[in-house]
Amino acid sequence: MTYDTVVFDNDGVLVGRTSFDVLREATRETFVELGVSDPDPDHVEDMTIGACPGSVGTVCQAYGLEASEFWHTRDTMLTRAQQVEARAGRKTPYDDIHELADLDVAKGIVSSNQQETVDFLIEHFEVDHLFETAYGREKTIESLTLRKPNPHYLERALEDLDAGSALFVGDNESDIKAAENAGIDSAFIRRPHRTDWELNVWPTWEIEALEDLHEISV
């Protein structure tokens, strides 16, 4: 198969994932910032990963917080925490990201992370020249419904890139499903944190590293 466009998930594909402990602490600090000094640990956990509009509303109601303000603050706190991790060298690009410089296709990024986080990381690591477009989430509760496997941001990227035949590279099942929902091919990359991961979806390709894209995209 020949592709003229390749779009990448960011965390776990181009850059390392952020420690869950870091994200959880940033979420806890969100509650403190809004006047809740001792939030229920289960609520902190729920708001760190996998939150949906309904769960945000339920948790905020328990503390008398305004949901949209809470979520905007939460996303801001997590962005700041990830910036700290990147500046400290604890969140870094994968060594093979340089392989993309020689990949002669239109390239973009689609992440479920915050747009501000995505923009910071690609600029901080000086890889912005590799990508023609990059999408993350807005700091709104509504954006939670647009995360992968919803193809919303992926379709926006494909439109920006004027894609004909496209491939989406990810490390999560939601990435593979988003590609399917957008009607394009997918590649599951087995980074170290996915070495023994048993897939319940069927990507078009499985790859071990970004250099493998040279074999399947040209």
Protein backbone atom coordinates (compact mmCIF):
# COMPACT_ATOMS: atom_id res chain seq x y z
CA MET A 1 0.00 0.00 0.00
CA THR A 2 1.24 3.48 -0.80
CA TYR A 3 0.22 6.37 1.47
CA ASP A 4 0.51 10.07 0.81
CA THR A 5 -0.31 11.01 4.41
CA VAL A 6 0.68 9.61 7.81
CA VAL A 7 -0.85 10.93 11.04
CA PHE A 8 0.55 10.04 14.45
CA ASP A 9 -0.77 9.80 17.96
CA ASN A 10 1.66 11.70 20.21
CA ASP A 11 2.13 10.19 23.69
CA GLY A 12 3.45 6.66 23.48
CA VAL A 13 4.22 7.01 19.77
CA LEU A 14 6.37 10.11 19.23
CA VAL A 15 7.14 11.01 22.84
CA GLY A 16 7.18 8.97 26.01
CA ARG A 17 4.10 8.82 28.18
CA THR A 18 3.83 10.92 31.32
CA SER A 19 3.97 9.06 34.62
CA PHE A 20 0.49 8.44 35.98
CA ASP A 21 1.66 9.63 39.39
CA VAL A 22 2.53 13.00 37.89
CA LEU A 23 -0.87 13.31 36.24
CA ARG A 24 -2.68 12.24 39.40
CA GLU A 25 -0.82 14.80 41.50
CA ALA A 26 -1.69 17.53 39.00
CA THR A 27 -5.33 16.51 39.25
CA ARG A 28 -5.19 16.60 43.04
CA GLU A 29 -3.70 20.07 42.83
CA THR A 30 -6.66 21.08 40.69
CA PHE A 31 -9.01 20.38 43.59
CA VAL A 32 -6.75 22.27 45.98
CA GLU A 33 -6.58 25.24 43.59
CA LEU A 34 -10.38 25.39 43.63
CA GLY A 35 -10.65 25.21 47.42
CA VAL A 36 -10.99 21.47 48.01
CA SER A 37 -8.07 20.64 50.30
CA ASP A 38 -8.81 16.94 50.83
CA PRO A 39 -10.55 15.43 47.79
CA ASP A 40 -11.64 11.80 47.79
CA PRO A 41 -8.75 9.78 46.26
CA ASP A 42 -11.26 7.93 44.09
CA HIS A 43 -12.46 11.24 42.67
CA VAL A 44 -8.89 12.28 41.94
CA GLU A 45 -8.32 8.96 40.19
CA ASP A 46 -11.51 9.30 38.16
CA MET A 47 -10.62 12.81 37.00
CA THR A 48 -7.06 11.85 36.05
CA ILE A 49 -7.77 9.30 33.33
CA GLY A 50 -10.94 8.32 31.51
CA ALA A 51 -13.22 11.15 32.63
CA CYS A 52 -16.38 11.83 30.66
CA PRO A 53 -18.79 14.78 30.87
CA GLY A 54 -21.11 12.83 33.17
CA SER A 55 -18.41 11.84 35.64
CA VAL A 56 -17.00 15.38 35.70
CA GLY A 57 -20.45 16.71 36.54
CA THR A 58 -20.99 14.14 39.27
CA VAL A 59 -17.64 14.79 40.96
CA CYS A 60 -18.01 18.56 40.77
CA GLN A 61 -21.49 18.37 42.25
CA ALA A 62 -20.06 16.55 45.28
CA TYR A 63 -17.88 19.60 46.08
CA GLY A 64 -20.10 22.39 44.80
CA LEU A 65 -17.70 23.16 41.96
CA GLU A 66 -18.62 24.57 38.58
CA ALA A 67 -17.83 21.81 36.08
CA SER A 68 -16.47 23.87 33.18
CA GLU A 69 -14.17 25.86 35.49
CA PHE A 70 -12.95 22.66 37.12
CA TRP A 71 -12.13 20.99 33.83
CA HIS A 72 -10.38 24.03 32.38
CA THR A 73 -8.28 24.23 35.54
CA ARG A 74 -7.59 20.51 35.47
CA ASP A 75 -6.35 20.64 31.87
CA THR A 76 -4.20 23.67 32.67
CA MET A 77 -2.63 21.87 35.64
CA LEU A 78 -1.89 18.76 33.59
CA THR A 79 -0.35 20.83 30.80
CA ARG A 80 1.94 22.57 33.30
CA ALA A 81 2.93 19.24 34.86
CA GLN A 82 3.84 17.78 31.47
CA GLN A 83 5.86 20.87 30.60
CA VAL A 84 7.81 20.41 33.83
CA GLU A 85 8.44 16.75 32.97
CA ALA A 86 9.68 17.66 29.49
CA ARG A 87 11.97 20.43 30.73
CA ALA A 88 13.39 18.08 33.38
CA GLY A 89 14.15 15.40 30.80
CA ARG A 90 11.67 12.89 32.21
CA LYS A 91 9.37 13.12 29.17
CA THR A 92 11.36 12.86 25.95
CA PRO A 93 10.90 11.94 22.29
CA TYR A 94 11.59 8.38 21.24
CA ASP A 95 15.04 7.97 19.71
CA ASP A 96 13.63 7.03 16.30
CA ILE A 97 11.61 10.23 15.78
CA HIS A 98 14.38 11.40 13.44
CA GLU A 99 13.25 8.70 11.02
CA LEU A 100 10.30 10.91 10.09
CA ALA A 101 12.54 13.50 8.45
CA ASP A 102 13.08 11.12 5.52
CA LEU A 103 9.47 9.96 5.32
CA ASP A 104 8.28 11.64 2.14
CA VAL A 105 4.61 12.05 2.98
CA ALA A 106 2.42 14.73 4.55
CA LYS A 107 2.55 14.29 8.32
CA GLY A 108 0.36 15.35 11.21
CA ILE A 109 -0.40 14.66 14.86
CA VAL A 110 -3.71 13.84 16.54
CA SER A 111 -3.68 13.47 20.31
CA SER A 112 -6.23 13.21 23.10
CA ASN A 113 -3.90 15.35 25.19
CA GLN A 114 -4.50 19.09 25.50
CA GLN A 115 -3.79 21.25 22.45
CA GLU A 116 -1.55 23.43 24.60
CA THR A 117 0.44 20.35 25.65
CA VAL A 118 0.86 19.11 22.09
CA ASP A 119 1.95 22.54 20.84
CA PHE A 120 4.48 22.88 23.66
CA LEU A 121 6.01 19.43 23.17
CA ILE A 122 6.59 19.69 19.44
CA GLU A 123 8.13 23.15 19.86
CA HIS A 124 10.18 22.23 22.93
CA PHE A 125 11.63 19.16 21.25
CA GLU A 126 12.17 21.11 18.02
CA VAL A 127 10.22 18.73 15.82
CA ASP A 128 7.55 21.16 14.66
CA HIS A 129 9.15 21.26 11.20
CA LEU A 130 8.24 17.59 10.73
CA PHE A 131 4.48 18.11 10.95
CA GLU A 132 2.13 20.22 8.90
CA THR A 133 -0.72 20.08 11.39
CA ALA A 134 -1.25 18.99 15.00
CA TYR A 135 -4.45 18.57 16.98
CA GLY A 136 -5.11 18.08 20.66
CA ARG A 137 -8.19 18.74 22.78
CA GLU A 138 -9.56 22.11 23.73
CA LYS A 139 -9.81 22.70 27.50
CA THR A 140 -13.54 22.05 27.54
CA ILE A 141 -15.75 19.29 28.87
CA GLU A 142 -17.26 18.99 25.40
CA SER A 143 -13.88 17.98 23.98
CA LEU A 144 -14.06 14.76 26.00
CA THR A 145 -16.73 13.47 23.66
CA LEU A 146 -14.45 14.17 20.68
CA ARG A 147 -11.54 12.06 21.87
CA LYS A 148 -10.55 8.96 19.97
CA PRO A 149 -12.14 6.65 18.94
CA ASN A 150 -14.26 9.57 17.77
CA PRO A 151 -12.56 10.51 14.46
CA HIS A 152 -13.30 14.24 14.87
CA TYR A 153 -9.73 15.52 15.27
CA LEU A 154 -8.33 12.91 12.92
CA GLU A 155 -10.72 13.99 10.18
CA ARG A 156 -9.73 17.63 10.74
CA ALA A 157 -6.08 16.71 10.34
CA LEU A 158 -6.76 14.70 7.19
CA GLU A 159 -8.62 17.68 5.72
CA ASP A 160 -5.72 20.01 6.58
CA LEU A 161 -3.30 17.63 4.87
CA ASP A 162 -5.52 17.12 1.82
CA ALA A 163 -5.06 13.40 2.36
CA GLY A 164 -5.72 10.91 -0.37
CA SER A 165 -4.54 7.59 1.06
CA ALA A 166 -3.80 7.96 4.78
CA LEU A 167 -2.39 5.94 7.67
CA PHE A 168 -2.85 6.60 11.39
CA VAL A 169 -0.14 5.35 13.76
CA GLY A 170 -1.08 4.74 17.39
CA ASP A 171 -0.36 2.71 20.50
CA ASN A 172 -3.91 2.37 21.81
CA GLU A 173 -6.95 0.46 20.67
CA SER A 174 -8.82 3.77 20.52
CA ASP A 175 -6.34 4.89 17.86
CA ILE A 176 -7.08 1.87 15.72
CA LYS A 177 -10.81 2.38 16.14
CA ALA A 178 -10.51 6.09 15.29
CA ALA A 179 -8.74 5.20 12.06
CA GLU A 180 -11.46 2.69 11.24
CA ASN A 181 -14.14 5.29 11.99
CA ALA A 182 -12.37 7.74 9.70
CA GLY A 183 -12.18 5.14 6.94
CA ILE A 184 -8.38 4.94 6.80
CA ASP A 185 -5.68 2.36 7.50
CA SER A 186 -3.94 2.03 10.85
CA ALA A 187 -0.60 0.91 12.26
CA PHE A 188 -0.20 -0.26 15.85
CA ILE A 189 3.29 0.49 17.17
CA ARG A 190 4.60 -1.87 19.82
CA ARG A 191 6.59 0.49 21.99
CA PRO A 192 8.09 -1.07 25.15
CA HIS A 193 4.91 -0.42 27.14
CA ARG A 194 2.94 -2.40 24.52
CA THR A 195 5.30 -5.34 23.97
CA ASP A 196 2.95 -7.94 25.46
CA TRP A 197 -0.30 -6.07 24.90
CA GLU A 198 -3.05 -8.30 23.50
CA LEU A 199 -5.08 -6.39 20.96
CA ASN A 200 -8.85 -6.67 20.69
CA VAL A 201 -8.83 -4.72 17.43
CA TRP A 202 -7.29 -5.42 14.03
CA PRO A 203 -4.90 -2.77 12.73
CA THR A 204 -3.84 -2.82 9.11
CA TRP A 205 -0.22 -3.09 10.22
CA GLU A 206 1.81 -3.80 13.32
CA ILE A 207 5.22 -2.15 13.57
CA GLU A 208 8.05 -2.18 16.08
CA ALA A 209 9.53 1.25 15.38
CA LEU A 210 8.97 4.34 13.25
CA GLU A 211 11.61 3.22 10.76
CA ASP A 212 9.22 0.42 9.73
CA LEU A 213 7.02 3.07 8.12
CA HIS A 214 9.53 3.39 5.30
CA GLU A 215 8.60 -0.14 4.26
CA ILE A 216 4.84 0.32 4.26
CA SER A 217 4.24 3.94 3.28
CA VAL A 218 6.20 4.29 0.06
